[in-house]
Amino acid sequence: MEITKINSNTKTGKIYLTIFEILNKYPEGLQWTVLNKKVEELNPSLHPKTVNGCVWKLVEKFPNEIYKPSKGLFRLTKFK
């Protein structure tokens, strides 16, 4: 799935767009717990388990945009 195909009207779509917005600010990437916390801070109305599920599936859902250079670290592929 490409970033442009994310439906911003759904809860998960909002989470994914927020994740990409956050990761764009951190070329070195972010640890799983930090990324979760930042998404929850920006969208406090979202359920933490929904956020967690979206972060958990990031690499699987967006293999061309996000990768894990080490365990628990998420980074945009453009910063490889």
PDB file of N, CA and C in Angstrom:
ATOM      1  N   MET A   1       0.849  -1.187   0.000  1.00  0.00           N
ATOM      2  CA  MET A   1       0.000   0.000   0.000  1.00  0.00           C
ATOM      3  C   MET A   1       0.889   1.243   0.000  1.00  0.00           C
ATOM      4  N   GLU A   2       0.490   2.206  -0.763  1.00  0.00           N
ATOM      5  CA  GLU A   2       1.239   3.463  -0.830  1.00  0.00           C
ATOM      6  C   GLU A   2       0.619   4.488   0.107  1.00  0.00           C
ATOM      7  N   ILE A   3       1.424   5.441   0.502  1.00  0.00           N
ATOM      8  CA  ILE A   3       0.965   6.501   1.402  1.00  0.00           C
ATOM      9  C   ILE A   3      -0.226   7.236   0.805  1.00  0.00           C
ATOM     10  N   THR A   4      -0.203   7.458  -0.491  1.00  0.00           N
ATOM     11  CA  THR A   4      -1.273   8.211  -1.141  1.00  0.00           C
ATOM     12  C   THR A   4      -2.605   7.474  -1.117  1.00  0.00           C
ATOM     13  N   LYS A   5      -2.570   6.162  -0.848  1.00  0.00           N
ATOM     14  CA  LYS A   5      -3.803   5.375  -0.838  1.00  0.00           C
ATOM     15  C   LYS A   5      -4.379   5.187   0.561  1.00  0.00           C
ATOM     16  N   ILE A   6      -3.834   5.890   1.537  1.00  0.00           N
ATOM     17  CA  ILE A   6      -4.344   5.798   2.904  1.00  0.00           C
ATOM     18  C   ILE A   6      -5.631   6.612   2.997  1.00  0.00           C
ATOM     19  N   ASN A   7      -6.675   5.995   3.544  1.00  0.00           N
ATOM     20  CA  ASN A   7      -7.955   6.677   3.719  1.00  0.00           C
ATOM     21  C   ASN A   7      -7.914   7.478   5.017  1.00  0.00           C
ATOM     22  N   SER A   8      -7.825   8.778   4.914  1.00  0.00           N
ATOM     23  CA  SER A   8      -7.708   9.643   6.093  1.00  0.00           C
ATOM     24  C   SER A   8      -9.015   9.755   6.876  1.00  0.00           C
ATOM     25  N   ASN A   9     -10.079   9.149   6.377  1.00  0.00           N
ATOM     26  CA  ASN A   9     -11.367   9.199   7.077  1.00  0.00           C
ATOM     27  C   ASN A   9     -11.524   8.067   8.096  1.00  0.00           C
ATOM     28  N   THR A  10     -10.617   7.104   8.081  1.00  0.00           N
ATOM     29  CA  THR A  10     -10.700   5.993   9.026  1.00  0.00           C
ATOM     30  C   THR A  10      -9.738   6.235  10.187  1.00  0.00           C
ATOM     31  N   LYS A  11      -9.988   5.548  11.310  1.00  0.00           N
ATOM     32  CA  LYS A  11      -9.100   5.696  12.471  1.00  0.00           C
ATOM     33  C   LYS A  11      -7.695   5.209  12.137  1.00  0.00           C
ATOM     34  N   THR A  12      -7.612   4.057  11.488  1.00  0.00           N
ATOM     35  CA  THR A  12      -6.285   3.532  11.156  1.00  0.00           C
ATOM     36  C   THR A  12      -5.595   4.417  10.131  1.00  0.00           C
ATOM     37  N   GLY A  13      -6.344   4.963   9.203  1.00  0.00           N
ATOM     38  CA  GLY A  13      -5.772   5.878   8.217  1.00  0.00           C
ATOM     39  C   GLY A  13      -5.171   7.102   8.887  1.00  0.00           C
ATOM     40  N   LYS A  14      -5.875   7.646   9.867  1.00  0.00           N
ATOM     41  CA  LYS A  14      -5.356   8.805  10.607  1.00  0.00           C
ATOM     42  C   LYS A  14      -4.075   8.441  11.349  1.00  0.00           C
ATOM     43  N   ILE A  15      -4.058   7.237  11.909  1.00  0.00           N
ATOM     44  CA  ILE A  15      -2.869   6.788  12.635  1.00  0.00           C
ATOM     45  C   ILE A  15      -1.692   6.664  11.676  1.00  0.00           C
ATOM     46  N   TYR A  16      -1.903   6.011  10.532  1.00  0.00           N
ATOM     47  CA  TYR A  16      -0.810   5.833   9.570  1.00  0.00           C
ATOM     48  C   TYR A  16      -0.285   7.170   9.058  1.00  0.00           C
ATOM     49  N   LEU A  17      -1.172   8.096   8.763  1.00  0.00           N
ATOM     50  CA  LEU A  17      -0.732   9.417   8.298  1.00  0.00           C
ATOM     51  C   LEU A  17       0.071  10.136   9.385  1.00  0.00           C
ATOM     52  N   THR A  18      -0.363   9.998  10.631  1.00  0.00           N
ATOM     53  CA  THR A  18       0.361  10.591  11.749  1.00  0.00           C
ATOM     54  C   THR A  18       1.745   9.971  11.886  1.00  0.00           C
ATOM     55  N   ILE A  19       1.833   8.650  11.732  1.00  0.00           N
ATOM     56  CA  ILE A  19       3.118   7.960  11.821  1.00  0.00           C
ATOM     57  C   ILE A  19       4.091   8.482  10.767  1.00  0.00           C
ATOM     58  N   PHE A  20       3.614   8.607   9.527  1.00  0.00           N
ATOM     59  CA  PHE A  20       4.488   9.114   8.464  1.00  0.00           C
ATOM     60  C   PHE A  20       4.921  10.552   8.748  1.00  0.00           C
ATOM     61  N   GLU A  21       4.006  11.350   9.277  1.00  0.00           N
ATOM     62  CA  GLU A  21       4.323  12.738   9.631  1.00  0.00           C
ATOM     63  C   GLU A  21       5.419  12.770  10.704  1.00  0.00           C
ATOM     64  N   ILE A  22       5.297  11.917  11.705  1.00  0.00           N
ATOM     65  CA  ILE A  22       6.283  11.857  12.786  1.00  0.00           C
ATOM     66  C   ILE A  22       7.627  11.361  12.270  1.00  0.00           C
ATOM     67  N   LEU A  23       7.627  10.233  11.539  1.00  0.00           N
ATOM     68  CA  LEU A  23       8.883   9.649  11.070  1.00  0.00           C
ATOM     69  C   LEU A  23       9.629  10.558  10.098  1.00  0.00           C
ATOM     70  N   ASN A  24       8.911  11.422   9.401  1.00  0.00           N
ATOM     71  CA  ASN A  24       9.568  12.400   8.516  1.00  0.00           C
ATOM     72  C   ASN A  24      10.442  13.360   9.307  1.00  0.00           C
ATOM     73  N   LYS A  25      10.124  13.571  10.569  1.00  0.00           N
ATOM     74  CA  LYS A  25      10.874  14.498  11.418  1.00  0.00           C
ATOM     75  C   LYS A  25      12.082  13.835  12.075  1.00  0.00           C
ATOM     76  N   TYR A  26      12.170  12.497  11.966  1.00  0.00           N
ATOM     77  CA  TYR A  26      13.242  11.756  12.631  1.00  0.00           C
ATOM     78  C   TYR A  26      13.963  10.842  11.642  1.00  0.00           C
ATOM     79  N   PRO A  27      14.920  11.390  10.888  1.00  0.00           N
ATOM     80  CA  PRO A  27      15.654  10.590   9.900  1.00  0.00           C
ATOM     81  C   PRO A  27      16.365   9.379  10.514  1.00  0.00           C
ATOM     82  N   GLU A  28      16.725   9.483  11.793  1.00  0.00           N
ATOM     83  CA  GLU A  28      17.407   8.371  12.467  1.00  0.00           C
ATOM     84  C   GLU A  28      16.430   7.280  12.881  1.00  0.00           C
ATOM     85  N   GLY A  29      15.126   7.560  12.765  1.00  0.00           N
ATOM     86  CA  GLY A  29      14.097   6.593  13.134  1.00  0.00           C
ATOM     87  C   GLY A  29      13.684   6.742  14.586  1.00  0.00           C
ATOM     88  N   LEU A  30      12.665   5.976  14.975  1.00  0.00           N
ATOM     89  CA  LEU A  30      12.169   6.013  16.352  1.00  0.00           C
ATOM     90  C   LEU A  30      11.922   4.607  16.855  1.00  0.00           C
ATOM     91  N   GLN A  31      12.164   4.419  18.132  1.00  0.00           N
ATOM     92  CA  GLN A  31      11.853   3.154  18.775  1.00  0.00           C
ATOM     93  C   GLN A  31      10.337   2.994  18.870  1.00  0.00           C
ATOM     94  N   TRP A  32       9.903   1.757  18.918  1.00  0.00           N
ATOM     95  CA  TRP A  32       8.483   1.411  18.949  1.00  0.00           C
ATOM     96  C   TRP A  32       7.737   2.160  20.049  1.00  0.00           C
ATOM     97  N   THR A  33       8.263   2.172  21.268  1.00  0.00           N
ATOM     98  CA  THR A  33       7.557   2.809  22.381  1.00  0.00           C
ATOM     99  C   THR A  33       7.451   4.322  22.197  1.00  0.00           C
ATOM    100  N   VAL A  34       8.497   4.929  21.679  1.00  0.00           N
ATOM    101  CA  VAL A  34       8.495   6.381  21.454  1.00  0.00           C
ATOM    102  C   VAL A  34       7.500   6.738  20.357  1.00  0.00           C
ATOM    103  N   LEU A  35       7.488   5.948  19.290  1.00  0.00           N
ATOM    104  CA  LEU A  35       6.554   6.190  18.184  1.00  0.00           C
ATOM    105  C   LEU A  35       5.116   6.064  18.664  1.00  0.00           C
ATOM    106  N   ASN A  36       4.822   5.016  19.426  1.00  0.00           N
ATOM    107  CA  ASN A  36       3.477   4.847  19.984  1.00  0.00           C
ATOM    108  C   ASN A  36       3.068   6.055  20.807  1.00  0.00           C
ATOM    109  N   LYS A  37       3.956   6.490  21.685  1.00  0.00           N
ATOM    110  CA  LYS A  37       3.669   7.608  22.584  1.00  0.00           C
ATOM    111  C   LYS A  37       3.407   8.890  21.799  1.00  0.00           C
ATOM    112  N   LYS A  38       4.205   9.143  20.765  1.00  0.00           N
ATOM    113  CA  LYS A  38       4.040  10.361  19.966  1.00  0.00           C
ATOM    114  C   LYS A  38       2.701  10.355  19.203  1.00  0.00           C
ATOM    115  N   VAL A  39       2.316   9.201  18.673  1.00  0.00           N
ATOM    116  CA  VAL A  39       1.036   9.098  17.968  1.00  0.00           C
ATOM    117  C   VAL A  39      -0.102   9.361  18.950  1.00  0.00           C
ATOM    118  N   GLU A  40      -0.030   8.763  20.130  1.00  0.00           N
ATOM    119  CA  GLU A  40      -1.072   8.949  21.144  1.00  0.00           C
ATOM    120  C   GLU A  40      -1.145  10.394  21.623  1.00  0.00           C
ATOM    121  N   GLU A  41      -0.009  11.075  21.712  1.00  0.00           N
ATOM    122  CA  GLU A  41       0.006  12.480  22.125  1.00  0.00           C
ATOM    123  C   GLU A  41      -0.662  13.365  21.079  1.00  0.00           C
ATOM    124  N   LEU A  42      -0.418  13.066  19.793  1.00  0.00           N
ATOM    125  CA  LEU A  42      -1.007  13.866  18.719  1.00  0.00           C
ATOM    126  C   LEU A  42      -2.488  13.565  18.507  1.00  0.00           C
ATOM    127  N   ASN A  43      -2.906  12.343  18.852  1.00  0.00           N
ATOM    128  CA  ASN A  43      -4.300  11.925  18.668  1.00  0.00           C
ATOM    129  C   ASN A  43      -4.818  11.257  19.942  1.00  0.00           C
ATOM    130  N   PRO A  44      -5.033  12.017  21.008  1.00  0.00           N
ATOM    131  CA  PRO A  44      -5.436  11.423  22.288  1.00  0.00           C
ATOM    132  C   PRO A  44      -6.787  10.706  22.246  1.00  0.00           C
ATOM    133  N   SER A  45      -7.604  10.974  21.252  1.00  0.00           N
ATOM    134  CA  SER A  45      -8.919  10.327  21.174  1.00  0.00           C
ATOM    135  C   SER A  45      -8.832   8.888  20.654  1.00  0.00           C
ATOM    136  N   LEU A  46      -7.688   8.512  20.098  1.00  0.00           N
ATOM    137  CA  LEU A  46      -7.527   7.164  19.555  1.00  0.00           C
ATOM    138  C   LEU A  46      -7.188   6.177  20.662  1.00  0.00           C
ATOM    139  N   HIS A  47      -7.733   4.975  20.551  1.00  0.00           N
ATOM    140  CA  HIS A  47      -7.477   3.943  21.547  1.00  0.00           C
ATOM    141  C   HIS A  47      -6.030   3.450  21.426  1.00  0.00           C
ATOM    142  N   PRO A  48      -5.315   3.356  22.546  1.00  0.00           N
ATOM    143  CA  PRO A  48      -3.905   2.924  22.506  1.00  0.00           C
ATOM    144  C   PRO A  48      -3.690   1.565  21.827  1.00  0.00           C
ATOM    145  N   LYS A  49      -4.633   0.650  21.976  1.00  0.00           N
ATOM    146  CA  LYS A  49      -4.463  -0.657  21.336  1.00  0.00           C
ATOM    147  C   LYS A  49      -4.589  -0.567  19.816  1.00  0.00           C
ATOM    148  N   THR A  50      -5.372   0.369  19.329  1.00  0.00           N
ATOM    149  CA  THR A  50      -5.483   0.586  17.887  1.00  0.00           C
ATOM    150  C   THR A  50      -4.167   1.150  17.367  1.00  0.00           C
ATOM    151  N   VAL A  51      -3.611   2.100  18.097  1.00  0.00           N
ATOM    152  CA  VAL A  51      -2.316   2.682  17.723  1.00  0.00           C
ATOM    153  C   VAL A  51      -1.253   1.588  17.715  1.00  0.00           C
ATOM    154  N   ASN A  52      -1.215   0.796  18.771  1.00  0.00           N
ATOM    155  CA  ASN A  52      -0.246  -0.288  18.887  1.00  0.00           C
ATOM    156  C   ASN A  52      -0.351  -1.259  17.707  1.00  0.00           C
ATOM    157  N   GLY A  53      -1.563  -1.628  17.335  1.00  0.00           N
ATOM    158  CA  GLY A  53      -1.776  -2.545  16.215  1.00  0.00           C
ATOM    159  C   GLY A  53      -1.272  -1.980  14.900  1.00  0.00           C
ATOM    160  N   CYS A  54      -1.481  -0.699  14.706  1.00  0.00           N
ATOM    161  CA  CYS A  54      -1.014  -0.059  13.473  1.00  0.00           C
ATOM    162  C   CYS A  54       0.517  -0.010  13.420  1.00  0.00           C
ATOM    163  N   VAL A  55       1.138   0.336  14.528  1.00  0.00           N
ATOM    164  CA  VAL A  55       2.606   0.387  14.571  1.00  0.00           C
ATOM    165  C   VAL A  55       3.164  -1.021  14.356  1.00  0.00           C
ATOM    166  N   TRP A  56       2.547  -2.006  14.975  1.00  0.00           N
ATOM    167  CA  TRP A  56       2.984  -3.394  14.862  1.00  0.00           C
ATOM    168  C   TRP A  56       3.032  -3.859  13.406  1.00  0.00           C
ATOM    169  N   LYS A  57       2.087  -3.391  12.590  1.00  0.00           N
ATOM    170  CA  LYS A  57       1.973  -3.851  11.198  1.00  0.00           C
ATOM    171  C   LYS A  57       2.633  -2.927  10.175  1.00  0.00           C
ATOM    172  N   LEU A  58       3.351  -1.917  10.626  1.00  0.00           N
ATOM    173  CA  LEU A  58       3.923  -0.917   9.716  1.00  0.00           C
ATOM    174  C   LEU A  58       4.761  -1.511   8.586  1.00  0.00           C
ATOM    175  N   VAL A  59       5.740  -2.311   8.926  1.00  0.00           N
ATOM    176  CA  VAL A  59       6.666  -2.844   7.917  1.00  0.00           C
ATOM    177  C   VAL A  59       5.936  -3.786   6.973  1.00  0.00           C
ATOM    178  N   GLU A  60       4.993  -4.539   7.514  1.00  0.00           N
ATOM    179  CA  GLU A  60       4.198  -5.459   6.688  1.00  0.00           C
ATOM    180  C   GLU A  60       3.294  -4.687   5.725  1.00  0.00           C
ATOM    181  N   LYS A  61       2.691  -3.621   6.210  1.00  0.00           N
ATOM    182  CA  LYS A  61       1.732  -2.857   5.410  1.00  0.00           C
ATOM    183  C   LYS A  61       2.410  -1.885   4.434  1.00  0.00           C
ATOM    184  N   PHE A  62       3.555  -1.349   4.823  1.00  0.00           N
ATOM    185  CA  PHE A  62       4.265  -0.364   3.997  1.00  0.00           C
ATOM    186  C   PHE A  62       5.728  -0.769   3.791  1.00  0.00           C
ATOM    187  N   PRO A  63       5.978  -1.921   3.171  1.00  0.00           N
ATOM    188  CA  PRO A  63       7.362  -2.415   3.029  1.00  0.00           C
ATOM    189  C   PRO A  63       8.258  -1.527   2.167  1.00  0.00           C
ATOM    190  N   ASN A  64       7.674  -0.749   1.283  1.00  0.00           N
ATOM    191  CA  ASN A  64       8.468   0.135   0.429  1.00  0.00           C
ATOM    192  C   ASN A  64       8.731   1.499   1.066  1.00  0.00           C
ATOM    193  N   GLU A  65       8.039   1.810   2.150  1.00  0.00           N
ATOM    194  CA  GLU A  65       8.168   3.113   2.782  1.00  0.00           C
ATOM    195  C   GLU A  65       8.826   3.072   4.156  1.00  0.00           C
ATOM    196  N   ILE A  66       8.664   1.948   4.885  1.00  0.00           N
ATOM    197  CA  ILE A  66       9.178   1.853   6.252  1.00  0.00           C
ATOM    198  C   ILE A  66       9.947   0.551   6.420  1.00  0.00           C
ATOM    199  N   TYR A  67      11.068   0.623   7.132  1.00  0.00           N
ATOM    200  CA  TYR A  67      11.836  -0.582   7.426  1.00  0.00           C
ATOM    201  C   TYR A  67      12.354  -0.516   8.857  1.00  0.00           C
ATOM    202  N   LYS A  68      12.845  -1.644   9.334  1.00  0.00           N
ATOM    203  CA  LYS A  68      13.399  -1.735  10.686  1.00  0.00           C
ATOM    204  C   LYS A  68      14.880  -2.074  10.582  1.00  0.00           C
ATOM    205  N   PRO A  69      15.762  -1.061  10.743  1.00  0.00           N
ATOM    206  CA  PRO A  69      17.202  -1.327  10.674  1.00  0.00           C
ATOM    207  C   PRO A  69      17.698  -2.162  11.854  1.00  0.00           C
ATOM    208  N   SER A  70      16.967  -2.128  12.958  1.00  0.00           N
ATOM    209  CA  SER A  70      17.276  -2.979  14.110  1.00  0.00           C
ATOM    210  C   SER A  70      15.967  -3.230  14.860  1.00  0.00           C
ATOM    211  N   LYS A  71      16.012  -4.168  15.785  1.00  0.00           N
ATOM    212  CA  LYS A  71      14.802  -4.561  16.501  1.00  0.00           C
ATOM    213  C   LYS A  71      14.147  -3.368  17.189  1.00  0.00           C
ATOM    214  N   GLY A  72      12.866  -3.156  16.893  1.00  0.00           N
ATOM    215  CA  GLY A  72      12.096  -2.107  17.544  1.00  0.00           C
ATOM    216  C   GLY A  72      12.296  -0.706  17.007  1.00  0.00           C
ATOM    217  N   LEU A  73      13.139  -0.543  15.991  1.00  0.00           N
ATOM    218  CA  LEU A  73      13.407   0.780  15.430  1.00  0.00           C
ATOM    219  C   LEU A  73      12.738   0.911  14.067  1.00  0.00           C
ATOM    220  N   PHE A  74      11.928   1.945  13.908  1.00  0.00           N
ATOM    221  CA  PHE A  74      11.222   2.183  12.651  1.00  0.00           C
ATOM    222  C   PHE A  74      11.803   3.409  11.969  1.00  0.00           C
ATOM    223  N   ARG A  75      12.057   3.288  10.658  1.00  0.00           N
ATOM    224  CA  ARG A  75      12.655   4.377   9.896  1.00  0.00           C
ATOM    225  C   ARG A  75      12.054   4.381   8.493  1.00  0.00           C
ATOM    226  N   LEU A  76      11.898   5.568   7.933  1.00  0.00           N
ATOM    227  CA  LEU A  76      11.439   5.675   6.553  1.00  0.00           C
ATOM    228  C   LEU A  76      12.551   5.224   5.611  1.00  0.00           C
ATOM    229  N   THR A  77      12.198   4.514   4.562  1.00  0.00           N
ATOM    230  CA  THR A  77      13.205   3.998   3.633  1.00  0.00           C
ATOM    231  C   THR A  77      13.954   5.124   2.932  1.00  0.00           C
ATOM    232  N   LYS A  78      13.358   6.290   2.824  1.00  0.00           N
ATOM    233  CA  LYS A  78      14.049   7.404   2.166  1.00  0.00           C
ATOM    234  C   LYS A  78      15.256   7.860   2.965  1.00  0.00           C
ATOM    235  N   PHE A  79      15.382   7.438   4.226  1.00  0.00           N
ATOM    236  CA  PHE A  79      16.520   7.811   5.056  1.00  0.00           C
ATOM    237  C   PHE A  79      17.551   6.697   5.173  1.00  0.00           C
ATOM    238  N   LYS A  80      17.424   5.664   4.337  1.00  0.00           N
ATOM    239  CA  LYS A  80      18.396   4.555   4.362  1.00  0.00           C
ATOM    240  C   LYS A  80      19.769   5.050   4.034  1.00  0.00           C
TER     241      LYS A  80
END
